[in-house]
């Protein structure tokens, strides 16, 4: 209902009065027409070829991104695993030294008993 009321007012605003309009004429010389060259005709890329190109480009970029992400994750996990291996090796060496000291103490006790 409101659109019917406002429609004539909108038409009046969108079309300014003819007295305010200034007419511009387009003038060109024959010399300009002579210098004008035709634009080269571009062969349009079909939707099928453009779609395949976009798909391959997107897949390649995504694959490259995933490759570097996985490579980074592999490096991080490899570093963590290496740290764990070194800490396990240190623990094993510590336990080995404890066992050696206990064996030495046991052999000393046996010697004292005899």
PDB file of N, CA and C in Angstrom:
ATOM      1  N   UNK A   1       0.821  -1.178   0.000  1.00  0.00           N
ATOM      2  CA  UNK A   1       0.000   0.000   0.000  1.00  0.00           C
ATOM      3  C   UNK A   1       0.876   1.257   0.000  1.00  0.00           C
ATOM      4  N   UNK A   2       1.920   1.219   0.848  1.00  0.00           N
ATOM      5  CA  UNK A   2       2.801   2.384   0.920  1.00  0.00           C
ATOM      6  C   UNK A   2       3.570   2.560  -0.378  1.00  0.00           C
ATOM      7  N   UNK A   3       3.857   1.463  -1.050  1.00  0.00           N
ATOM      8  CA  UNK A   3       4.591   1.577  -2.313  1.00  0.00           C
ATOM      9  C   UNK A   3       3.753   2.277  -3.377  1.00  0.00           C
ATOM     10  N   UNK A   4       2.441   2.103  -3.340  1.00  0.00           N
ATOM     11  CA  UNK A   4       1.578   2.771  -4.314  1.00  0.00           C
ATOM     12  C   UNK A   4       1.537   4.276  -4.066  1.00  0.00           C
ATOM     13  N   UNK A   5       1.627   4.633  -2.796  1.00  0.00           N
ATOM     14  CA  UNK A   5       1.589   6.057  -2.461  1.00  0.00           C
ATOM     15  C   UNK A   5       2.911   6.723  -2.835  1.00  0.00           C
ATOM     16  N   UNK A   6       4.022   6.041  -2.583  1.00  0.00           N
ATOM     17  CA  UNK A   6       5.340   6.625  -2.805  1.00  0.00           C
ATOM     18  C   UNK A   6       5.815   6.519  -4.248  1.00  0.00           C
ATOM     19  N   UNK A   7       5.194   5.702  -5.070  1.00  0.00           N
ATOM     20  CA  UNK A   7       5.644   5.492  -6.443  1.00  0.00           C
ATOM     21  C   UNK A   7       5.664   6.775  -7.275  1.00  0.00           C
ATOM     22  N   UNK A   8       4.634   7.609  -7.270  1.00  0.00           N
ATOM     23  CA  UNK A   8       4.715   8.860  -8.059  1.00  0.00           C
ATOM     24  C   UNK A   8       5.807   9.793  -7.547  1.00  0.00           C
ATOM     25  N   UNK A   9       6.015   9.830  -6.240  1.00  0.00           N
ATOM     26  CA  UNK A   9       7.057  10.705  -5.689  1.00  0.00           C
ATOM     27  C   UNK A   9       8.433  10.206  -6.101  1.00  0.00           C
ATOM     28  N   UNK A  10       8.637   8.913  -6.115  1.00  0.00           N
ATOM     29  CA  UNK A  10       9.922   8.341  -6.515  1.00  0.00           C
ATOM     30  C   UNK A  10      10.194   8.612  -7.990  1.00  0.00           C
ATOM     31  N   UNK A  11       9.147   8.546  -8.816  1.00  0.00           N
ATOM     32  CA  UNK A  11       9.322   8.832 -10.232  1.00  0.00           C
ATOM     33  C   UNK A  11       9.715  10.282 -10.445  1.00  0.00           C
ATOM     34  N   UNK A  12       9.128  11.162  -9.679  1.00  0.00           N
ATOM     35  CA  UNK A  12       9.438  12.588  -9.811  1.00  0.00           C
ATOM     36  C   UNK A  12      10.875  12.855  -9.397  1.00  0.00           C
ATOM     37  N   UNK A  13      11.364  12.163  -8.380  1.00  0.00           N
ATOM     38  CA  UNK A  13      12.735  12.380  -7.931  1.00  0.00           C
ATOM     39  C   UNK A  13      13.751  11.759  -8.876  1.00  0.00           C
ATOM     40  N   UNK A  14      13.413  10.645  -9.467  1.00  0.00           N
ATOM     41  CA  UNK A  14      14.368   9.973 -10.345  1.00  0.00           C
ATOM     42  C   UNK A  14      14.478  10.652 -11.700  1.00  0.00           C
ATOM     43  N   UNK A  15      13.459  11.317 -12.175  1.00  0.00           N
ATOM     44  CA  UNK A  15      13.492  12.029 -13.452  1.00  0.00           C
ATOM     45  C   UNK A  15      13.496  13.527 -13.171  1.00  0.00           C
ATOM     46  N   UNK A  16      14.656  14.185 -13.200  1.00  0.00           N
ATOM     47  CA  UNK A  16      14.665  15.626 -12.944  1.00  0.00           C
ATOM     48  C   UNK A  16      13.979  16.375 -14.086  1.00  0.00           C
ATOM     49  N   UNK A  17      13.554  17.555 -13.824  1.00  0.00           N
ATOM     50  CA  UNK A  17      12.861  18.336 -14.873  1.00  0.00           C
ATOM     51  C   UNK A  17      13.786  18.571 -16.064  1.00  0.00           C
ATOM     52  N   UNK A  18      13.208  18.745 -17.222  1.00  0.00           N
ATOM     53  CA  UNK A  18      13.988  18.902 -18.449  1.00  0.00           C
ATOM     54  C   UNK A  18      14.750  20.209 -18.474  1.00  0.00           C
ATOM     55  N   UNK A  19      14.350  21.179 -17.690  1.00  0.00           N
ATOM     56  CA  UNK A  19      15.064  22.455 -17.692  1.00  0.00           C
ATOM     57  C   UNK A  19      16.427  22.321 -17.045  1.00  0.00           C
ATOM     58  N   UNK A  20      16.598  21.386 -16.129  1.00  0.00           N
ATOM     59  CA  UNK A  20      17.873  21.208 -15.465  1.00  0.00           C
ATOM     60  C   UNK A  20      18.840  20.378 -16.301  1.00  0.00           C
ATOM     61  N   UNK A  21      18.330  19.596 -17.211  1.00  0.00           N
ATOM     62  CA  UNK A  21      19.175  18.764 -18.046  1.00  0.00           C
ATOM     63  C   UNK A  21      19.894  19.617 -19.083  1.00  0.00           C
ATOM     64  N   UNK A  22      21.150  19.290 -19.290  1.00  0.00           N
ATOM     65  CA  UNK A  22      21.892  19.971 -20.357  1.00  0.00           C
ATOM     66  C   UNK A  22      22.231  18.918 -21.396  1.00  0.00           C
ATOM     67  N   UNK A  23      22.014  19.258 -22.606  1.00  0.00           N
ATOM     68  CA  UNK A  23      22.273  18.317 -23.687  1.00  0.00           C
ATOM     69  C   UNK A  23      23.730  18.448 -24.103  1.00  0.00           C
ATOM     70  N   UNK A  24      24.412  17.337 -24.169  1.00  0.00           N
ATOM     71  CA  UNK A  24      25.801  17.321 -24.640  1.00  0.00           C
ATOM     72  C   UNK A  24      25.834  16.567 -25.944  1.00  0.00           C
ATOM     73  N   UNK A  25      26.477  17.152 -26.868  1.00  0.00           N
ATOM     74  CA  UNK A  25      26.611  16.450 -28.137  1.00  0.00           C
ATOM     75  C   UNK A  25      28.012  15.865 -28.219  1.00  0.00           C
ATOM     76  N   UNK A  26      28.117  14.741 -28.818  1.00  0.00           N
ATOM     77  CA  UNK A  26      29.395  14.076 -28.983  1.00  0.00           C
ATOM     78  C   UNK A  26      29.923  14.455 -30.356  1.00  0.00           C
ATOM     79  N   UNK A  27      31.107  15.041 -30.354  1.00  0.00           N
ATOM     80  CA  UNK A  27      31.689  15.469 -31.619  1.00  0.00           C
ATOM     81  C   UNK A  27      33.008  14.747 -31.808  1.00  0.00           C
ATOM     82  N   UNK A  28      33.182  14.193 -32.954  1.00  0.00           N
ATOM     83  CA  UNK A  28      34.448  13.562 -33.312  1.00  0.00           C
ATOM     84  C   UNK A  28      34.844  14.039 -34.689  1.00  0.00           C
ATOM     85  N   UNK A  29      36.098  14.065 -34.888  1.00  0.00           N
ATOM     86  CA  UNK A  29      36.570  14.506 -36.192  1.00  0.00           C
ATOM     87  C   UNK A  29      36.851  13.284 -37.058  1.00  0.00           C
ATOM     88  N   UNK A  30      36.976  13.517 -38.326  1.00  0.00           N
ATOM     89  CA  UNK A  30      37.279  12.428 -39.257  1.00  0.00           C
ATOM     90  C   UNK A  30      38.675  11.891 -38.993  1.00  0.00           C
ATOM     91  N   UNK A  31      39.553  12.744 -38.501  1.00  0.00           N
ATOM     92  CA  UNK A  31      40.915  12.330 -38.215  1.00  0.00           C
ATOM     93  C   UNK A  31      40.949  11.288 -37.096  1.00  0.00           C
ATOM     94  N   UNK A  32      40.155  11.471 -36.085  1.00  0.00           N
ATOM     95  CA  UNK A  32      40.103  10.496 -34.987  1.00  0.00           C
ATOM     96  C   UNK A  32      39.575   9.149 -35.463  1.00  0.00           C
ATOM     97  N   UNK A  33      38.594   9.201 -36.335  1.00  0.00           N
ATOM     98  CA  UNK A  33      38.066   7.944 -36.856  1.00  0.00           C
ATOM     99  C   UNK A  33      39.108   7.223 -37.695  1.00  0.00           C
ATOM    100  N   UNK A  34      39.956   7.957 -38.375  1.00  0.00           N
ATOM    101  CA  UNK A  34      40.973   7.344 -39.218  1.00  0.00           C
ATOM    102  C   UNK A  34      42.059   6.678 -38.370  1.00  0.00           C
ATOM    103  N   UNK A  35      42.398   7.258 -37.216  1.00  0.00           N
ATOM    104  CA  UNK A  35      43.447   6.707 -36.361  1.00  0.00           C
ATOM    105  C   UNK A  35      42.979   5.524 -35.520  1.00  0.00           C
ATOM    106  N   UNK A  36      41.706   5.362 -35.403  1.00  0.00           N
ATOM    107  CA  UNK A  36      41.176   4.298 -34.556  1.00  0.00           C
ATOM    108  C   UNK A  36      41.509   2.939 -35.157  1.00  0.00           C
ATOM    109  N   UNK A  37      42.021   2.045 -34.303  1.00  0.00           N
ATOM    110  CA  UNK A  37      42.321   0.687 -34.749  1.00  0.00           C
ATOM    111  C   UNK A  37      41.378  -0.271 -34.064  1.00  0.00           C
ATOM    112  N   UNK A  38      41.142  -1.333 -34.713  1.00  0.00           N
ATOM    113  CA  UNK A  38      40.247  -2.341 -34.146  1.00  0.00           C
ATOM    114  C   UNK A  38      40.971  -3.104 -33.047  1.00  0.00           C
ATOM    115  N   UNK A  39      40.267  -3.389 -31.998  1.00  0.00           N
ATOM    116  CA  UNK A  39      40.843  -4.165 -30.907  1.00  0.00           C
ATOM    117  C   UNK A  39      41.012  -5.612 -31.333  1.00  0.00           C
ATOM    118  N   UNK A  40      42.073  -6.268 -30.862  1.00  0.00           N
ATOM    119  CA  UNK A  40      42.248  -7.678 -31.232  1.00  0.00           C
ATOM    120  C   UNK A  40      41.136  -8.523 -30.616  1.00  0.00           C
ATOM    121  N   UNK A  41      40.702  -9.471 -31.377  1.00  0.00           N
ATOM    122  CA  UNK A  41      39.624 -10.342 -30.922  1.00  0.00           C
ATOM    123  C   UNK A  41      40.229 -11.410 -30.014  1.00  0.00           C
ATOM    124  N   UNK A  42      39.707 -11.497 -28.800  1.00  0.00           N
ATOM    125  CA  UNK A  42      40.182 -12.508 -27.858  1.00  0.00           C
ATOM    126  C   UNK A  42      39.336 -13.763 -28.012  1.00  0.00           C
ATOM    127  N   UNK A  43      40.016 -14.865 -28.008  1.00  0.00           N
ATOM    128  CA  UNK A  43      39.291 -16.121 -28.053  1.00  0.00           C
ATOM    129  C   UNK A  43      38.810 -16.414 -26.635  1.00  0.00           C
ATOM    130  N   UNK A  44      37.519 -16.513 -26.438  1.00  0.00           N
ATOM    131  CA  UNK A  44      37.032 -16.729 -25.082  1.00  0.00           C
ATOM    132  C   UNK A  44      37.390 -18.125 -24.579  1.00  0.00           C
ATOM    133  N   UNK A  45      37.697 -18.174 -23.307  1.00  0.00           N
ATOM    134  CA  UNK A  45      37.965 -19.475 -22.688  1.00  0.00           C
ATOM    135  C   UNK A  45      36.624 -20.060 -22.296  1.00  0.00           C
ATOM    136  N   UNK A  46      36.398 -21.257 -22.719  1.00  0.00           N
ATOM    137  CA  UNK A  46      35.132 -21.887 -22.424  1.00  0.00           C
ATOM    138  C   UNK A  46      34.989 -22.204 -20.945  1.00  0.00           C
ATOM    139  N   UNK A  47      33.786 -22.392 -20.524  1.00  0.00           N
ATOM    140  CA  UNK A  47      33.527 -22.675 -19.116  1.00  0.00           C
ATOM    141  C   UNK A  47      34.168 -23.999 -18.707  1.00  0.00           C
ATOM    142  N   UNK A  48      34.188 -24.939 -19.622  1.00  0.00           N
ATOM    143  CA  UNK A  48      34.775 -26.246 -19.297  1.00  0.00           C
ATOM    144  C   UNK A  48      36.267 -26.123 -19.091  1.00  0.00           C
ATOM    145  N   UNK A  49      36.962 -25.459 -20.026  1.00  0.00           N
ATOM    146  CA  UNK A  49      38.412 -25.309 -19.897  1.00  0.00           C
ATOM    147  C   UNK A  49      38.755 -24.421 -18.715  1.00  0.00           C
ATOM    148  N   UNK A  50      38.007 -23.349 -18.511  1.00  0.00           N
ATOM    149  CA  UNK A  50      38.252 -22.473 -17.373  1.00  0.00           C
ATOM    150  C   UNK A  50      38.012 -23.183 -16.052  1.00  0.00           C
ATOM    151  N   UNK A  51      36.997 -24.011 -16.014  1.00  0.00           N
ATOM    152  CA  UNK A  51      36.708 -24.769 -14.802  1.00  0.00           C
ATOM    153  C   UNK A  51      37.801 -25.776 -14.487  1.00  0.00           C
ATOM    154  N   UNK A  52      38.293 -26.441 -15.515  1.00  0.00           N
ATOM    155  CA  UNK A  52      39.371 -27.415 -15.308  1.00  0.00           C
ATOM    156  C   UNK A  52      40.632 -26.706 -14.852  1.00  0.00           C
ATOM    157  N   UNK A  53      40.942 -25.559 -15.489  1.00  0.00           N
ATOM    158  CA  UNK A  53      42.134 -24.805 -15.103  1.00  0.00           C
ATOM    159  C   UNK A  53      42.024 -24.341 -13.650  1.00  0.00           C
ATOM    160  N   UNK A  54      40.886 -23.828 -13.266  1.00  0.00           N
ATOM    161  CA  UNK A  54      40.683 -23.388 -11.885  1.00  0.00           C
ATOM    162  C   UNK A  54      40.765 -24.537 -10.901  1.00  0.00           C
ATOM    163  N   UNK A  55      40.175 -25.654 -11.277  1.00  0.00           N
ATOM    164  CA  UNK A  55      40.224 -26.824 -10.405  1.00  0.00           C
ATOM    165  C   UNK A  55      41.656 -27.305 -10.223  1.00  0.00           C
ATOM    166  N   UNK A  56      42.406 -27.396 -11.333  1.00  0.00           N
ATOM    167  CA  UNK A  56      43.790 -27.859 -11.236  1.00  0.00           C
ATOM    168  C   UNK A  56      44.659 -26.876 -10.460  1.00  0.00           C
ATOM    169  N   UNK A  57      44.463 -25.599 -10.680  1.00  0.00           N
ATOM    170  CA  UNK A  57      45.226 -24.593  -9.938  1.00  0.00           C
ATOM    171  C   UNK A  57      44.906 -24.666  -8.450  1.00  0.00           C
ATOM    172  N   UNK A  58      43.639 -24.754  -8.122  1.00  0.00           N
ATOM    173  CA  UNK A  58      43.240 -24.857  -6.713  1.00  0.00           C
ATOM    174  C   UNK A  58      43.746 -26.129  -6.068  1.00  0.00           C
ATOM    175  N   UNK A  59      43.658 -27.225  -6.784  1.00  0.00           N
ATOM    176  CA  UNK A  59      44.134 -28.499  -6.243  1.00  0.00           C
ATOM    177  C   UNK A  59      45.642 -28.470  -6.024  1.00  0.00           C
ATOM    178  N   UNK A  60      46.367 -27.871  -6.973  1.00  0.00           N
ATOM    179  CA  UNK A  60      47.818 -27.796  -6.837  1.00  0.00           C
ATOM    180  C   UNK A  60      48.212 -26.928  -5.651  1.00  0.00           C
ATOM    181  N   UNK A  61      47.587 -25.782  -5.521  1.00  0.00           N
ATOM    182  CA  UNK A  61      47.904 -24.900  -4.397  1.00  0.00           C
ATOM    183  C   UNK A  61      47.531 -25.539  -3.063  1.00  0.00           C
ATOM    184  N   UNK A  62      46.392 -26.189  -3.024  1.00  0.00           N
ATOM    185  CA  UNK A  62      45.979 -26.854  -1.794  1.00  0.00           C
ATOM    186  C   UNK A  62      46.908 -28.005  -1.460  1.00  0.00           C
ATOM    187  N   UNK A  63      47.290 -28.779  -2.467  1.00  0.00           N
ATOM    188  CA  UNK A  63      48.220 -29.890  -2.246  1.00  0.00           C
ATOM    189  C   UNK A  63      49.558 -29.401  -1.742  1.00  0.00           C
ATOM    190  N   UNK A  64      50.053 -28.301  -2.302  1.00  0.00           N
ATOM    191  CA  UNK A  64      51.318 -27.734  -1.837  1.00  0.00           C
ATOM    192  C   UNK A  64      51.224 -27.255  -0.399  1.00  0.00           C
ATOM    193  N   UNK A  65      50.116 -26.604  -0.083  1.00  0.00           N
ATOM    194  CA  UNK A  65      49.921 -26.142   1.296  1.00  0.00           C
ATOM    195  C   UNK A  65      49.842 -27.296   2.276  1.00  0.00           C
ATOM    196  N   UNK A  66      49.120 -28.332   1.896  1.00  0.00           N
ATOM    197  CA  UNK A  66      48.995 -29.508   2.768  1.00  0.00           C
ATOM    198  C   UNK A  66      50.340 -30.198   2.920  1.00  0.00           C
ATOM    199  N   UNK A  67      51.119 -30.264   1.835  1.00  0.00           N
ATOM    200  CA  UNK A  67      52.435 -30.903   1.892  1.00  0.00           C
ATOM    201  C   UNK A  67      53.329 -30.202   2.906  1.00  0.00           C
ATOM    202  N   UNK A  68      53.381 -28.857   2.834  1.00  0.00           N
ATOM    203  CA  UNK A  68      54.235 -28.130   3.769  1.00  0.00           C
ATOM    204  C   UNK A  68      53.707 -28.194   5.194  1.00  0.00           C
ATOM    205  N   UNK A  69      52.394 -28.244   5.357  1.00  0.00           N
ATOM    206  CA  UNK A  69      51.817 -28.384   6.698  1.00  0.00           C
ATOM    207  C   UNK A  69      52.192 -29.738   7.296  1.00  0.00           C
ATOM    208  N   UNK A  70      52.046 -30.798   6.510  1.00  0.00           N
ATOM    209  CA  UNK A  70      52.383 -32.138   6.992  1.00  0.00           C
ATOM    210  C   UNK A  70      53.877 -32.257   7.242  1.00  0.00           C
ATOM    211  N   UNK A  71      54.681 -31.645   6.390  1.00  0.00           N
ATOM    212  CA  UNK A  71      56.129 -31.661   6.585  1.00  0.00           C
ATOM    213  C   UNK A  71      56.512 -30.971   7.891  1.00  0.00           C
ATOM    214  N   UNK A  72      55.870 -29.849   8.183  1.00  0.00           N
ATOM    215  CA  UNK A  72      56.132 -29.141   9.440  1.00  0.00           C
ATOM    216  C   UNK A  72      55.692 -29.980  10.635  1.00  0.00           C
ATOM    217  N   UNK A  73      54.515 -30.591  10.545  1.00  0.00           N
ATOM    218  CA  UNK A  73      54.037 -31.453  11.636  1.00  0.00           C
ATOM    219  C   UNK A  73      54.972 -32.646  11.835  1.00  0.00           C
ATOM    220  N   UNK A  74      55.491 -33.195  10.739  1.00  0.00           N
ATOM    221  CA  UNK A  74      56.418 -34.321  10.823  1.00  0.00           C
ATOM    222  C   UNK A  74      57.694 -33.904  11.540  1.00  0.00           C
ATOM    223  N   UNK A  75      58.200 -32.726  11.215  1.00  0.00           N
ATOM    224  CA  UNK A  75      59.416 -32.250  11.871  1.00  0.00           C
ATOM    225  C   UNK A  75      59.201 -32.055  13.371  1.00  0.00           C
ATOM    226  N   UNK A  76      58.070 -31.466  13.726  1.00  0.00           N
ATOM    227  CA  UNK A  76      57.773 -31.237  15.146  1.00  0.00           C
ATOM    228  C   UNK A  76      57.650 -32.566  15.884  1.00  0.00           C
ATOM    229  N   UNK A  77      56.908 -33.502  15.323  1.00  0.00           N
ATOM    230  CA  UNK A  77      56.736 -34.796  15.994  1.00  0.00           C
ATOM    231  C   UNK A  77      58.054 -35.563  16.047  1.00  0.00           C
ATOM    232  N   UNK A  78      58.881 -35.437  15.021  1.00  0.00           N
ATOM    233  CA  UNK A  78      60.174 -36.098  15.011  1.00  0.00           C
ATOM    234  C   UNK A  78      61.085 -35.523  16.095  1.00  0.00           C
ATOM    235  N   UNK A  79      61.061 -34.202  16.274  1.00  0.00           N
ATOM    236  CA  UNK A  79      61.857 -33.578  17.334  1.00  0.00           C
ATOM    237  C   UNK A  79      61.381 -34.038  18.713  1.00  0.00           C
ATOM    238  N   UNK A  80      60.063 -34.113  18.901  1.00  0.00           N
ATOM    239  CA  UNK A  80      59.528 -34.570  20.188  1.00  0.00           C
ATOM    240  C   UNK A  80      59.914 -36.022  20.452  1.00  0.00           C
ATOM    241  N   UNK A  81      59.846 -36.852  19.432  1.00  0.00           N
ATOM    242  CA  UNK A  81      60.211 -38.246  19.583  1.00  0.00           C
ATOM    243  C   UNK A  81      61.696 -38.387  19.891  1.00  0.00           C
ATOM    244  N   UNK A  82      62.523 -37.586  19.247  1.00  0.00           N
ATOM    245  CA  UNK A  82      63.963 -37.622  19.514  1.00  0.00           C
ATOM    246  C   UNK A  82      64.262 -37.205  20.946  1.00  0.00           C
ATOM    247  N   UNK A  83      63.576 -36.163  21.426  1.00  0.00           N
ATOM    248  CA  UNK A  83      63.754 -35.744  22.823  1.00  0.00           C
ATOM    249  C   UNK A  83      63.350 -36.860  23.776  1.00  0.00           C
ATOM    250  N   UNK A  84      62.221 -37.523  23.480  1.00  0.00           N
ATOM    251  CA  UNK A  84      61.781 -38.621  24.335  1.00  0.00           C
ATOM    252  C   UNK A  84      62.791 -39.770  24.324  1.00  0.00           C
ATOM    253  N   UNK A  85      63.360 -40.062  23.178  1.00  0.00           N
ATOM    254  CA  UNK A  85      64.354 -41.139  23.091  1.00  0.00           C
ATOM    255  C   UNK A  85      65.587 -40.783  23.908  1.00  0.00           C
ATOM    256  N   UNK A  86      66.042 -39.535  23.810  1.00  0.00           N
ATOM    257  CA  UNK A  86      67.212 -39.123  24.588  1.00  0.00           C
ATOM    258  C   UNK A  86      66.939 -39.158  26.089  1.00  0.00           C
ATOM    259  N   UNK A  87      65.746 -38.742  26.496  1.00  0.00           N
ATOM    260  CA  UNK A  87      65.420 -38.797  27.921  1.00  0.00           C
ATOM    261  C   UNK A  87      65.303 -40.253  28.393  1.00  0.00           C
ATOM    262  N   UNK A  88      64.762 -41.137  27.568  1.00  0.00           N
ATOM    263  CA  UNK A  88      64.687 -42.549  27.914  1.00  0.00           C
ATOM    264  C   UNK A  88      66.083 -43.150  28.010  1.00  0.00           C
ATOM    265  N   UNK A  89      66.957 -42.782  27.095  1.00  0.00           N
ATOM    266  CA  UNK A  89      68.332 -43.273  27.128  1.00  0.00           C
ATOM    267  C   UNK A  89      69.045 -42.799  28.390  1.00  0.00           C
ATOM    268  N   UNK A  90      68.816 -41.539  28.776  1.00  0.00           N
ATOM    269  CA  UNK A  90      69.421 -41.024  30.010  1.00  0.00           C
ATOM    270  C   UNK A  90      68.888 -41.770  31.225  1.00  0.00           C
ATOM    271  N   UNK A  91      67.594 -42.063  31.224  1.00  0.00           N
ATOM    272  CA  UNK A  91      67.007 -42.805  32.350  1.00  0.00           C
ATOM    273  C   UNK A  91      67.576 -44.214  32.421  1.00  0.00           C
ATOM    274  N   UNK A  92      67.734 -44.862  31.288  1.00  0.00           N
ATOM    275  CA  UNK A  92      68.283 -46.216  31.263  1.00  0.00           C
ATOM    276  C   UNK A  92      69.726 -46.205  31.754  1.00  0.00           C
ATOM    277  N   UNK A  93      70.495 -45.220  31.343  1.00  0.00           N
ATOM    278  CA  UNK A  93      71.878 -45.131  31.816  1.00  0.00           C
ATOM    279  C   UNK A  93      71.946 -44.886  33.315  1.00  0.00           C
ATOM    280  N   UNK A  94      71.043 -44.066  33.829  1.00  0.00           N
ATOM    281  CA  UNK A  94      70.992 -43.799  35.274  1.00  0.00           C
ATOM    282  C   UNK A  94      70.639 -45.071  36.036  1.00  0.00           C
ATOM    283  N   UNK A  95      69.634 -45.805  35.537  1.00  0.00           N
ATOM    284  CA  UNK A  95      69.264 -47.064  36.195  1.00  0.00           C
ATOM    285  C   UNK A  95      70.414 -48.054  36.112  1.00  0.00           C
ATOM    286  N   UNK A  96      71.098 -48.098  34.986  1.00  0.00           N
ATOM    287  CA  UNK A  96      72.239 -48.996  34.819  1.00  0.00           C
ATOM    288  C   UNK A  96      73.351 -48.666  35.825  1.00  0.00           C
ATOM    289  N   UNK A  97      73.599 -47.381  36.012  1.00  0.00           N
ATOM    290  CA  UNK A  97      74.628 -46.998  36.996  1.00  0.00           C
ATOM    291  C   UNK A  97      74.188 -47.355  38.415  1.00  0.00           C
ATOM    292  N   UNK A  98      72.898 -47.207  38.738  1.00  0.00           N
ATOM    293  CA  UNK A  98      72.404 -47.610  40.060  1.00  0.00           C
ATOM    294  C   UNK A  98      72.581 -49.109  40.276  1.00  0.00           C
ATOM    295  N   UNK A  99      72.252 -49.869  39.244  1.00  0.00           N
ATOM    296  CA  UNK A  99      72.385 -51.324  39.349  1.00  0.00           C
ATOM    297  C   UNK A  99      73.859 -51.703  39.529  1.00  0.00           C
ATOM    298  N   UNK A 100      74.752 -51.058  38.825  1.00  0.00           N
ATOM    299  CA  UNK A 100      76.184 -51.347  38.975  1.00  0.00           C
ATOM    300  C   UNK A 100      76.666 -51.029  40.385  1.00  0.00           C
ATOM    301  N   UNK A 101      76.224 -49.882  40.918  1.00  0.00           N
ATOM    302  CA  UNK A 101      76.648 -49.548  42.290  1.00  0.00           C
ATOM    303  C   UNK A 101      76.085 -50.543  43.290  1.00  0.00           C
ATOM    304  N   UNK A 102      74.846 -50.981  43.090  1.00  0.00           N
ATOM    305  CA  UNK A 102      74.269 -51.981  43.990  1.00  0.00           C
ATOM    306  C   UNK A 102      75.016 -53.308  43.889  1.00  0.00           C
ATOM    307  N   UNK A 103      75.381 -53.717  42.685  1.00  0.00           N
ATOM    308  CA  UNK A 103      76.145 -54.958  42.522  1.00  0.00           C
ATOM    309  C   UNK A 103      77.515 -54.855  43.191  1.00  0.00           C
ATOM    310  N   UNK A 104      78.137 -53.690  43.053  1.00  0.00           N
ATOM    311  CA  UNK A 104      79.438 -53.501  43.703  1.00  0.00           C
ATOM    312  C   UNK A 104      79.305 -53.568  45.225  1.00  0.00           C
ATOM    313  N   UNK A 105      78.249 -52.966  45.750  1.00  0.00           N
ATOM    314  CA  UNK A 105      78.028 -53.009  47.201  1.00  0.00           C
ATOM    315  C   UNK A 105      77.755 -54.437  47.663  1.00  0.00           C
ATOM    316  N   UNK A 106      77.002 -55.182  46.844  1.00  0.00           N
ATOM    317  CA  UNK A 106      76.724 -56.576  47.199  1.00  0.00           C
ATOM    318  C   UNK A 106      78.008 -57.411  47.193  1.00  0.00           C
ATOM    319  N   UNK A 107      78.841 -57.213  46.195  1.00  0.00           N
ATOM    320  CA  UNK A 107      80.104 -57.968  46.156  1.00  0.00           C
ATOM    321  C   UNK A 107      81.004 -57.580  47.321  1.00  0.00           C
ATOM    322  N   UNK A 108      81.005 -56.314  47.718  1.00  0.00           N
ATOM    323  CA  UNK A 108      81.791 -55.883  48.890  1.00  0.00           C
ATOM    324  C   UNK A 108      81.258 -56.521  50.170  1.00  0.00           C
ATOM    325  N   UNK A 109      79.944 -56.611  50.302  1.00  0.00           N
ATOM    326  CA  UNK A 109      79.352 -57.263  51.479  1.00  0.00           C
ATOM    327  C   UNK A 109      79.698 -58.737  51.527  1.00  0.00           C
ATOM    328  N   UNK A 110      79.654 -59.395  50.387  1.00  0.00           N
ATOM    329  CA  UNK A 110      80.016 -60.829  50.341  1.00  0.00           C
ATOM    330  C   UNK A 110      81.477 -61.037  50.717  1.00  0.00           C
ATOM    331  N   UNK A 111      82.353 -60.160  50.301  1.00  0.00           N
ATOM    332  CA  UNK A 111      83.774 -60.269  50.642  1.00  0.00           C
ATOM    333  C   UNK A 111      83.978 -60.074  52.144  1.00  0.00           C
ATOM    334  N   UNK A 112      83.231 -59.154  52.705  1.00  0.00           N
ATOM    335  CA  UNK A 112      83.371 -58.901  54.145  1.00  0.00           C
ATOM    336  C   UNK A 112      82.844 -60.065  54.963  1.00  0.00           C
ATOM    337  N   UNK A 113      81.831 -60.735  54.465  1.00  0.00           N
ATOM    338  CA  UNK A 113      81.266 -61.877  55.196  1.00  0.00           C
ATOM    339  C   UNK A 113      82.237 -63.042  55.197  1.00  0.00           C
ATOM    340  N   UNK A 114      83.020 -63.224  54.200  1.00  0.00           N
ATOM    341  CA  UNK A 114      83.919 -64.362  54.101  1.00  0.00           C
ATOM    342  C   UNK A 114      85.135 -64.132  54.845  1.00  0.00           C
TER     343      UNK A 114
END
